[in-house]
Amino acid sequence: MNLPYAETYRIKMVEAIKTSSRQEREKWLKEAHYNLFNLSSDKVFIDLLTDSGTGAMSDKQWAAMMLGDESYAGSSSYYNLKNAIKHILGFEYFLPTHQGRAAENVLFSVLVKEGDMIPGNSHFDTTKGHIEFRKAKAIDCTIDEAFDTTKFHDFKGSIDIQKLEKVFLENPLEKIPFIIITITNNNAGGQPVSMQNLRDVRKIADKYGVPVVFDSARFAENAYFIKKREAGYADKTIKEIVAEMYSYADAMTMSSKKDAIVNIGGFIAMKSREIYEKATVFNIMFEGFITYGGMAGRDMNALAQGLDEGTEYETLHSRIEQVAHLGGLLKSFGIPVQEPFGGHAIFVDAKRFLPNVPKEEFPAQTLAIELYLESGVRGVEIGAIMADRDPITRENRFPELEFVRLAIPRRTYTNNHINYVAVALKNVFDRRNEIKKGVKIVKESPILRHFTVELDKV
């Protein structure tokens, strides 16, 4: 008999979490205007809203924090992080930022102007927000297989090369400042991009003379899937695969709160001295001096250590197997999910789960609400509310995929917690035909509305 996977860590400290009654949760959710972002954390039992900044740091990361150098300029912590980025990712130049969207803000302030078009694979919410805030357009070139949750494809996150080429053929070249690749592709279900696809995108970029930018929040998980699924990589280390991945990129943004397993932090890295020098101006304006950029020295030390740990096979294997454990349980219950399972989360197909709730009443948000009411488990909608309105017509956009994402923090919950989540969702699934009404928007922001939107039941 094959041995089952086991976590490659031991627990040194625990944090108490509270259970609650359904009556309490109904009251709290109404007060939060049916937006799970508005709930205080003490009202959540198991929090799967995000894996961003919610993981448990290691003993070595905590030790590194104690050695943080808080000098305003040129701290040793900055150079520790610079060396880690150079060693693991291969970039000569980098700027620290306080988190990933800040990295996007700085880099896009250099690269994006009004009227531009940025092709990529299912731009994440903040990425698209920063593009559209600058009156530019994000063009999704994800492969069609990504939009069928029942279809198995090893690399559903990849860019369709024909769609990408079409963008260049149909638009002025000066309007396309770069290609962006999100690894892994979050909106498609945490799906990886193959190494061959990275090479193919690089060829298109070289053909038209534009740079390639990686949105790198979960790059290590992407490398893990390449090792597991792509021919020729089974015997390579994660760090060797990562090095090849970034050989095809000109620049990257990083939310370090995911695969670097820290609570806060991000950075931009690039190969161009010219882009670096332009970006330093915006980094100083928006973030801080170029050698701390909104981060404390202790956090840069933890990040440098996290980049090393996060690109080790054992760390990734334990993490991704726990995600697969949840996916396997849900699938055994007949619950429709995106397959194959992604690296950081299980994405529940809300359209198939709640076929009686019309798209105008936001089935994914409705399902996330029902899961919380059932169990105190907080997930997040990745669907029409997050898709925002069209910036020109102001009509609601209804994406092909309508998900509830159950994002699992790294090294945080046990499999008993995961089992609880699965049974809670099964209980909702068993009464799915009784759920025929969704929610409506009462108040919303003009951009990135999902964070603060106020809703009411239909």
Protein backbone atom coordinates (compact mmCIF):
# COMPACT_ATOMS: atom_id res chain seq x y z
CA MET A 1 0.00 0.00 0.00
CA ASN A 2 1.28 3.46 -0.89
CA LEU A 3 1.84 5.74 2.08
CA PRO A 4 -0.50 8.74 2.15
CA TYR A 5 0.96 12.23 2.03
CA ALA A 6 1.75 13.84 5.38
CA GLU A 7 2.44 17.46 6.22
CA THR A 8 6.15 18.26 6.20
CA TYR A 9 5.97 20.40 9.32
CA ARG A 10 5.06 20.17 13.00
CA ILE A 11 2.80 22.63 14.81
CA LYS A 12 4.47 24.75 17.53
CA MET A 13 1.75 27.27 18.31
CA VAL A 14 -2.03 27.30 17.97
CA GLU A 15 -4.58 30.10 17.64
CA ALA A 16 -8.11 29.71 18.99
CA ILE A 17 -11.01 30.01 16.55
CA LYS A 18 -14.65 30.28 17.57
CA THR A 19 -17.73 28.43 16.47
CA SER A 20 -21.09 30.19 16.19
CA SER A 21 -24.77 29.44 15.72
CA ARG A 22 -26.69 29.85 12.49
CA GLN A 23 -28.85 32.47 14.16
CA GLU A 24 -25.73 34.51 14.99
CA ARG A 25 -24.38 34.13 11.46
CA GLU A 26 -27.67 35.28 9.92
CA LYS A 27 -27.53 38.43 12.05
CA TRP A 28 -23.85 39.12 11.30
CA LEU A 29 -24.24 38.59 7.58
CA LYS A 30 -27.22 40.92 7.37
CA GLU A 31 -25.22 43.59 9.22
CA ALA A 32 -22.37 43.01 6.71
CA HIS A 33 -24.80 43.64 3.81
CA TYR A 34 -24.23 40.05 2.62
CA ASN A 35 -20.62 40.84 1.71
CA LEU A 36 -18.27 38.33 3.32
CA PHE A 37 -15.42 40.87 3.13
CA ASN A 38 -17.33 42.98 5.67
CA LEU A 39 -17.30 40.27 8.36
CA SER A 40 -14.82 40.65 11.19
CA SER A 41 -12.55 37.63 11.49
CA ASP A 42 -13.88 36.62 14.92
CA LYS A 43 -17.19 35.83 13.21
CA VAL A 44 -15.55 33.28 10.88
CA PHE A 45 -14.77 29.69 11.88
CA ILE A 46 -12.65 28.51 8.93
CA ASP A 47 -11.44 31.33 6.73
CA LEU A 48 -10.89 30.39 3.08
CA LEU A 49 -11.44 33.90 1.74
CA THR A 50 -7.85 34.00 0.53
CA ASP A 51 -4.46 32.35 0.86
CA SER A 52 -2.84 35.80 0.61
CA GLY A 53 -0.89 36.68 3.73
CA THR A 54 -2.81 34.11 5.80
CA GLY A 55 -0.25 31.28 5.84
CA ALA A 56 1.89 30.24 8.81
CA MET A 57 5.53 31.34 8.67
CA SER A 58 8.28 28.90 9.55
CA ASP A 59 10.67 28.97 12.49
CA LYS A 60 13.43 30.09 10.13
CA GLN A 61 11.28 32.95 8.84
CA TRP A 62 10.51 34.12 12.39
CA ALA A 63 14.20 33.87 13.22
CA ALA A 64 15.05 35.93 10.13
CA MET A 65 12.61 38.62 11.29
CA MET A 66 14.58 39.05 14.50
CA LEU A 67 17.62 39.96 12.40
CA GLY A 68 15.79 42.61 10.38
CA ASP A 69 17.76 45.77 9.64
CA GLU A 70 15.42 48.76 9.84
CA SER A 71 17.83 51.29 8.31
CA TYR A 72 15.97 53.72 6.07
CA ALA A 73 18.42 53.32 3.19
CA GLY A 74 20.57 50.38 2.15
CA SER A 75 19.65 47.96 4.93
CA SER A 76 21.17 44.47 5.01
CA SER A 77 17.61 43.10 4.73
CA TYR A 78 17.24 44.78 1.34
CA TYR A 79 20.42 43.08 0.11
CA ASN A 80 19.29 39.72 1.50
CA LEU A 81 16.11 40.03 -0.56
CA LYS A 82 17.98 41.31 -3.61
CA ASN A 83 20.31 38.29 -3.48
CA ALA A 84 17.39 35.85 -3.09
CA ILE A 85 15.59 37.34 -6.10
CA LYS A 86 18.75 37.22 -8.19
CA HIS A 87 19.55 33.64 -7.15
CA ILE A 88 16.06 32.14 -7.49
CA LEU A 89 14.40 34.27 -10.18
CA GLY A 90 17.38 35.61 -12.11
CA PHE A 91 16.51 39.32 -12.16
CA GLU A 92 19.20 41.95 -11.81
CA TYR A 93 16.95 44.82 -10.74
CA PHE A 94 14.14 44.90 -8.21
CA LEU A 95 12.02 47.28 -6.14
CA PRO A 96 10.27 46.26 -2.92
CA THR A 97 6.60 47.23 -2.46
CA HIS A 98 4.17 46.67 0.36
CA GLN A 99 2.12 44.11 -1.62
CA GLY A 100 1.32 42.84 -5.11
CA ARG A 101 -1.19 45.47 -6.22
CA ALA A 102 1.33 48.12 -5.22
CA ALA A 103 3.86 46.44 -7.50
CA GLU A 104 1.29 46.59 -10.32
CA ASN A 105 0.60 50.23 -9.58
CA VAL A 106 4.27 51.19 -9.82
CA LEU A 107 5.09 49.12 -12.91
CA PHE A 108 1.90 50.00 -14.79
CA SER A 109 2.52 53.68 -14.08
CA VAL A 110 5.59 53.25 -16.27
CA LEU A 111 4.20 50.92 -18.95
CA VAL A 112 0.45 51.57 -19.38
CA LYS A 113 -1.21 54.60 -20.94
CA GLU A 114 -4.73 55.47 -22.02
CA GLY A 115 -5.95 53.44 -25.01
CA ASP A 116 -3.45 50.62 -24.55
CA MET A 117 -4.40 46.95 -24.84
CA ILE A 118 -2.77 44.35 -22.62
CA PRO A 119 -3.30 40.72 -23.68
CA GLY A 120 -2.94 37.95 -21.13
CA ASN A 121 -4.55 34.97 -19.47
CA SER A 122 -7.55 35.89 -17.32
CA HIS A 123 -6.13 39.04 -15.69
CA PHE A 124 -6.71 38.97 -11.95
CA ASP A 125 -8.99 41.57 -10.37
CA THR A 126 -6.32 44.05 -9.25
CA THR A 127 -4.40 43.62 -12.50
CA LYS A 128 -7.47 44.41 -14.56
CA GLY A 129 -8.38 47.19 -12.16
CA HIS A 130 -5.03 48.91 -12.60
CA ILE A 131 -5.30 48.57 -16.38
CA GLU A 132 -8.86 49.90 -16.61
CA PHE A 133 -8.15 52.67 -14.08
CA ARG A 134 -5.66 53.96 -16.67
CA LYS A 135 -8.36 53.75 -19.37
CA ALA A 136 -6.65 50.83 -21.07
CA LYS A 137 -8.12 47.42 -21.91
CA ALA A 138 -7.30 43.94 -20.66
CA ILE A 139 -7.77 41.31 -23.39
CA ASP A 140 -8.23 37.73 -22.22
CA CYS A 141 -6.48 35.17 -24.42
CA THR A 142 -6.89 32.11 -22.17
CA ILE A 143 -7.36 28.77 -23.92
CA ASP A 144 -11.00 27.69 -24.40
CA GLU A 145 -10.54 24.53 -22.31
CA ALA A 146 -10.31 26.70 -19.19
CA PHE A 147 -13.97 27.65 -19.46
CA ASP A 148 -15.32 24.08 -19.31
CA THR A 149 -15.01 22.88 -15.73
CA THR A 150 -15.79 19.29 -16.76
CA LYS A 151 -12.93 19.06 -19.26
CA PHE A 152 -9.56 17.77 -18.07
CA HIS A 153 -6.51 19.63 -19.37
CA ASP A 154 -3.12 19.63 -17.66
CA PHE A 155 -2.47 23.33 -18.27
CA LYS A 156 -5.80 25.14 -18.36
CA GLY A 157 -4.11 28.40 -17.41
CA SER A 158 -2.21 28.74 -20.68
CA ILE A 159 -2.53 31.47 -23.29
CA ASP A 160 -4.09 30.60 -26.64
CA ILE A 161 -1.32 31.53 -29.07
CA GLN A 162 -3.75 32.10 -31.95
CA LYS A 163 -5.84 34.48 -29.83
CA LEU A 164 -2.65 36.28 -28.80
CA GLU A 165 -1.41 36.62 -32.37
CA LYS A 166 -4.83 37.96 -33.39
CA VAL A 167 -4.48 40.80 -30.88
CA PHE A 168 -1.26 41.88 -32.57
CA LEU A 169 -2.65 41.50 -36.08
CA GLU A 170 -5.79 43.55 -35.38
CA ASN A 171 -4.33 46.41 -33.32
CA PRO A 172 -1.56 48.99 -33.71
CA LEU A 173 1.65 47.64 -32.24
CA GLU A 174 2.28 50.88 -30.33
CA LYS A 175 -0.95 50.22 -28.40
CA ILE A 176 0.31 46.91 -26.96
CA PRO A 177 2.96 47.73 -24.34
CA PHE A 178 3.47 44.17 -23.06
CA ILE A 179 1.99 40.69 -22.64
CA ILE A 180 1.10 39.59 -19.11
CA ILE A 181 1.05 35.96 -17.98
CA THR A 182 -0.50 35.09 -14.61
CA ILE A 183 1.16 32.01 -13.07
CA THR A 184 -0.86 30.21 -11.91
CA ASN A 185 -4.01 31.52 -13.59
CA ASN A 186 -6.19 32.41 -10.60
CA ASN A 187 -9.46 33.35 -12.30
CA ALA A 188 -9.47 30.12 -14.31
CA GLY A 189 -9.27 28.09 -11.12
CA GLY A 190 -5.65 28.26 -10.00
CA GLN A 191 -4.66 26.55 -13.23
CA PRO A 192 -1.01 26.30 -14.33
CA VAL A 193 0.70 27.49 -17.51
CA SER A 194 2.98 25.02 -19.27
CA MET A 195 6.64 25.69 -19.96
CA GLN A 196 5.97 25.14 -23.66
CA ASN A 197 3.32 27.86 -23.52
CA LEU A 198 5.77 30.23 -21.87
CA ARG A 199 8.22 29.55 -24.69
CA ASP A 200 5.53 30.08 -27.33
CA VAL A 201 4.47 33.40 -25.79
CA ARG A 202 8.12 34.45 -25.69
CA LYS A 203 8.38 33.79 -29.44
CA ILE A 204 5.36 36.00 -30.13
CA ALA A 205 6.79 38.72 -27.91
CA ASP A 206 10.14 38.59 -29.72
CA LYS A 207 8.38 38.62 -33.08
CA TYR A 208 6.61 41.89 -32.26
CA GLY A 209 9.25 43.38 -30.01
CA VAL A 210 7.23 43.67 -26.79
CA PRO A 211 8.20 42.61 -23.27
CA VAL A 212 6.63 39.79 -21.26
CA VAL A 213 5.55 40.41 -17.66
CA PHE A 214 4.73 37.59 -15.22
CA ASP A 215 2.12 38.10 -12.50
CA SER A 216 3.97 35.79 -10.14
CA ALA A 217 1.90 35.36 -6.98
CA ARG A 218 1.83 31.56 -7.27
CA PHE A 219 4.84 30.91 -9.50
CA ALA A 220 6.18 28.08 -7.33
CA GLU A 221 2.90 26.17 -7.55
CA ASN A 222 3.07 26.62 -11.32
CA ALA A 223 6.57 25.11 -11.31
CA TYR A 224 5.29 22.17 -9.24
CA PHE A 225 2.64 21.37 -11.84
CA ILE A 226 5.24 21.58 -14.63
CA LYS A 227 7.34 19.05 -12.72
CA LYS A 228 4.36 16.76 -12.24
CA ARG A 229 2.65 17.06 -15.63
CA GLU A 230 5.03 18.22 -18.38
CA ALA A 231 7.37 15.85 -20.18
CA GLY A 232 11.05 16.36 -19.48
CA TYR A 233 10.71 18.02 -16.06
CA ALA A 234 10.08 15.16 -13.63
CA ASP A 235 13.74 14.96 -12.60
CA LYS A 236 14.33 18.71 -12.34
CA THR A 237 14.16 20.56 -9.04
CA ILE A 238 11.56 23.28 -8.48
CA LYS A 239 14.31 25.90 -8.46
CA GLU A 240 15.64 24.65 -11.81
CA ILE A 241 12.16 24.85 -13.31
CA VAL A 242 11.63 28.33 -11.86
CA ALA A 243 14.91 29.51 -13.39
CA GLU A 244 13.81 28.38 -16.84
CA MET A 245 10.33 29.91 -16.42
CA TYR A 246 11.78 33.33 -15.69
CA SER A 247 14.26 33.11 -18.54
CA TYR A 248 11.20 33.83 -20.73
CA ALA A 249 10.15 36.98 -18.79
CA ASP A 250 11.36 40.57 -18.96
CA ALA A 251 9.74 41.70 -15.74
CA MET A 252 7.52 40.42 -12.96
CA THR A 253 5.20 41.62 -10.24
CA MET A 254 4.93 39.63 -7.05
CA SER A 255 2.43 39.42 -4.25
CA SER A 256 4.76 37.76 -1.79
CA LYS A 257 1.85 36.90 0.51
CA LYS A 258 1.21 33.70 -1.45
CA ASP A 259 4.12 31.49 -2.53
CA ALA A 260 6.70 33.31 -0.40
CA ILE A 261 4.52 32.58 2.66
CA VAL A 262 4.71 35.97 4.37
CA ASN A 263 2.00 38.14 5.89
CA ILE A 264 2.80 41.26 3.87
CA GLY A 265 5.07 42.32 1.04
CA GLY A 266 5.64 42.38 -2.69
CA PHE A 267 8.14 43.48 -5.29
CA ILE A 268 8.80 44.26 -8.92
CA ALA A 269 11.78 42.64 -10.64
CA MET A 270 13.05 43.38 -14.14
CA LYS A 271 15.92 42.90 -16.52
CA SER A 272 15.82 46.40 -18.02
CA ARG A 273 17.84 49.13 -16.33
CA GLU A 274 15.75 51.72 -18.18
CA ILE A 275 12.42 50.42 -16.82
CA TYR A 276 13.96 50.11 -13.37
CA GLU A 277 15.06 53.74 -13.34
CA LYS A 278 11.63 54.95 -14.47
CA ALA A 279 9.91 52.76 -11.89
CA THR A 280 12.06 54.11 -9.04
CA VAL A 281 10.35 57.50 -9.43
CA PHE A 282 6.90 56.00 -8.84
CA ASN A 283 8.19 53.69 -6.10
CA ILE A 284 9.48 56.66 -4.14
CA MET A 285 6.20 58.54 -4.72
CA PHE A 286 3.82 55.69 -3.85
CA GLU A 287 5.73 53.28 -1.62
CA GLY A 288 8.90 54.59 0.01
CA PHE A 289 12.62 54.73 -0.65
CA ILE A 290 13.90 52.24 -3.22
CA THR A 291 15.58 49.99 -0.63
CA TYR A 292 12.48 49.42 1.50
CA GLY A 293 9.47 50.43 -0.60
CA GLY A 294 6.83 50.15 2.12
CA MET A 295 8.33 47.07 3.80
CA ALA A 296 10.04 46.76 7.14
CA GLY A 297 13.49 45.19 7.15
CA ARG A 298 12.20 42.26 9.19
CA ASP A 299 9.55 41.56 6.54
CA MET A 300 12.15 41.63 3.76
CA ASN A 301 14.20 39.07 5.70
CA ALA A 302 11.16 36.81 6.12
CA LEU A 303 10.40 37.20 2.41
CA ALA A 304 13.95 36.25 1.37
CA GLN A 305 13.72 33.10 3.50
CA GLY A 306 10.19 32.39 2.21
CA LEU A 307 11.28 32.51 -1.42
CA ASP A 308 13.77 29.77 -0.63
CA GLU A 309 11.34 27.59 1.36
CA GLY A 310 8.48 28.16 -1.07
CA THR A 311 10.50 26.75 -3.95
CA GLU A 312 11.27 23.47 -2.20
CA TYR A 313 9.39 20.39 -3.41
CA GLU A 314 8.35 19.13 0.03
CA THR A 315 6.71 22.44 0.95
CA LEU A 316 4.74 22.54 -2.30
CA HIS A 317 3.80 18.87 -2.27
CA SER A 318 2.29 19.03 1.21
CA ARG A 319 0.38 22.20 0.34
CA ILE A 320 -1.01 21.07 -3.01
CA GLU A 321 -1.96 17.64 -1.69
CA GLN A 322 -4.13 19.30 0.96
CA VAL A 323 -5.92 21.28 -1.74
CA ALA A 324 -6.41 18.05 -3.70
CA HIS A 325 -7.79 16.39 -0.57
CA LEU A 326 -10.58 18.96 -0.43
CA GLY A 327 -11.19 18.63 -4.17
CA GLY A 328 -11.41 14.85 -3.92
CA LEU A 329 -13.95 15.01 -1.11
CA LEU A 330 -16.14 17.49 -2.97
CA LYS A 331 -15.96 15.46 -6.15
CA SER A 332 -16.95 12.30 -4.25
CA PHE A 333 -20.06 14.16 -3.07
CA GLY A 334 -20.94 15.06 -6.67
CA ILE A 335 -20.19 18.74 -6.18
CA PRO A 336 -19.13 20.43 -9.45
CA VAL A 337 -15.62 21.89 -9.29
CA GLN A 338 -13.00 23.06 -11.75
CA GLU A 339 -10.86 20.12 -12.82
CA PRO A 340 -8.07 19.34 -12.59
CA PHE A 341 -7.74 20.84 -9.11
CA GLY A 342 -5.66 23.99 -8.90
CA GLY A 343 -2.72 24.68 -6.65
CA HIS A 344 -4.02 27.09 -4.03
CA ALA A 345 -7.77 26.58 -3.95
CA ILE A 346 -10.75 24.56 -5.04
CA PHE A 347 -13.09 26.47 -7.33
CA VAL A 348 -16.73 25.41 -7.05
CA ASP A 349 -18.77 25.85 -10.24
CA ALA A 350 -21.68 27.93 -8.96
CA LYS A 351 -23.62 27.81 -12.23
CA ARG A 352 -23.81 24.03 -12.07
CA PHE A 353 -24.24 24.02 -8.29
CA LEU A 354 -27.18 26.48 -8.26
CA PRO A 355 -28.86 26.15 -11.66
CA ASN A 356 -32.06 27.80 -10.39
CA VAL A 357 -30.40 31.11 -9.49
CA PRO A 358 -30.29 33.44 -12.53
CA LYS A 359 -26.97 35.03 -13.45
CA GLU A 360 -28.41 38.49 -12.71
CA GLU A 361 -28.77 37.40 -9.08
CA PHE A 362 -25.10 36.37 -8.74
CA PRO A 363 -25.13 32.61 -8.07
CA ALA A 364 -21.51 32.47 -6.84
CA GLN A 365 -22.09 35.14 -4.22
CA THR A 366 -25.33 33.39 -3.27
CA LEU A 367 -23.48 30.11 -2.80
CA ALA A 368 -20.74 31.76 -0.72
CA ILE A 369 -23.45 33.22 1.52
CA GLU A 370 -25.17 29.84 1.91
CA LEU A 371 -21.88 28.15 2.84
CA TYR A 372 -21.18 30.73 5.53
CA LEU A 373 -24.70 30.47 6.95
CA GLU A 374 -24.40 26.68 7.00
CA SER A 375 -21.04 26.44 8.71
CA GLY A 376 -19.16 29.67 9.41
CA VAL A 377 -16.80 28.90 6.52
CA ARG A 378 -15.86 31.99 4.50
CA GLY A 379 -15.05 31.59 0.81
CA VAL A 380 -15.04 34.23 -1.91
CA GLU A 381 -16.95 34.89 -5.12
CA ILE A 382 -14.90 34.83 -8.33
CA GLY A 383 -17.68 35.72 -10.73
CA ALA A 384 -19.90 38.52 -11.98
CA ILE A 385 -19.54 40.78 -8.96
CA MET A 386 -15.75 40.58 -9.14
CA ALA A 387 -15.91 41.02 -12.94
CA ASP A 388 -17.22 44.56 -12.35
CA ARG A 389 -19.09 46.61 -14.92
CA ASP A 390 -17.91 47.36 -18.43
CA PRO A 391 -16.03 50.67 -18.11
CA ILE A 392 -17.72 52.03 -21.25
CA THR A 393 -21.31 50.75 -21.15
CA ARG A 394 -21.47 50.36 -17.33
CA GLU A 395 -23.39 47.14 -17.85
CA ASN A 396 -22.65 44.18 -15.59
CA ARG A 397 -20.16 41.75 -17.08
CA PHE A 398 -21.12 38.10 -16.77
CA PRO A 399 -18.00 35.94 -17.17
CA GLU A 400 -18.15 32.40 -18.48
CA LEU A 401 -16.91 31.09 -15.15
CA GLU A 402 -18.85 31.75 -11.96
CA PHE A 403 -16.88 30.36 -9.04
CA VAL A 404 -16.80 30.19 -5.29
CA ARG A 405 -13.12 29.95 -4.46
CA LEU A 406 -12.08 28.06 -1.35
CA ALA A 407 -8.49 29.26 -0.92
CA ILE A 408 -6.49 27.26 1.61
CA PRO A 409 -3.86 29.16 3.63
CA ARG A 410 -0.46 27.49 3.70
CA ARG A 411 0.46 25.41 6.76
CA THR A 412 -2.57 26.72 8.65
CA TYR A 413 -5.46 24.23 8.79
CA THR A 414 -5.50 20.48 9.46
CA ASN A 415 -7.30 17.94 7.32
CA ASN A 416 -10.05 17.80 9.96
CA HIS A 417 -10.77 21.42 9.08
CA ILE A 418 -10.79 20.47 5.41
CA ASN A 419 -13.23 17.61 6.09
CA TYR A 420 -15.52 20.04 7.91
CA VAL A 421 -15.55 22.36 4.90
CA ALA A 422 -16.39 19.51 2.54
CA VAL A 423 -19.32 18.28 4.63
CA ALA A 424 -20.64 21.81 5.06
CA LEU A 425 -20.69 22.31 1.31
CA LYS A 426 -22.33 18.91 0.83
CA ASN A 427 -25.13 19.98 3.17
CA VAL A 428 -25.76 23.02 0.98
CA PHE A 429 -25.54 20.86 -2.14
CA ASP A 430 -28.17 18.49 -0.75
CA ARG A 431 -30.67 21.36 -0.59
CA ARG A 432 -29.54 23.15 -3.71
CA ASN A 433 -32.89 22.83 -5.46
CA GLU A 434 -34.52 24.85 -2.68
CA ILE A 435 -32.26 27.83 -3.44
CA LYS A 436 -33.96 29.79 -6.21
CA LYS A 437 -33.29 33.40 -5.29
CA GLY A 438 -29.99 35.23 -5.14
CA VAL A 439 -28.86 38.72 -4.22
CA LYS A 440 -28.97 42.20 -5.71
CA ILE A 441 -26.54 45.11 -5.52
CA VAL A 442 -27.60 48.01 -3.30
CA LYS A 443 -24.39 50.03 -3.31
CA GLU A 444 -21.10 49.65 -5.19
CA SER A 445 -17.81 51.36 -5.92
CA PRO A 446 -16.95 52.32 -9.52
CA ILE A 447 -14.02 49.88 -9.66
CA LEU A 448 -13.01 46.74 -7.73
CA ARG A 449 -16.50 46.79 -6.27
CA HIS A 450 -16.41 43.29 -4.77
CA PHE A 451 -14.34 44.41 -1.79
CA THR A 452 -16.94 46.86 -0.46
CA VAL A 453 -20.18 46.11 -2.33
CA GLU A 454 -23.42 46.14 -0.31
CA LEU A 455 -26.04 43.55 -1.20
CA ASP A 456 -29.49 42.46 -0.22
CA LYS A 457 -31.50 39.31 -0.79
CA VAL A 458 -33.79 39.28 -3.81
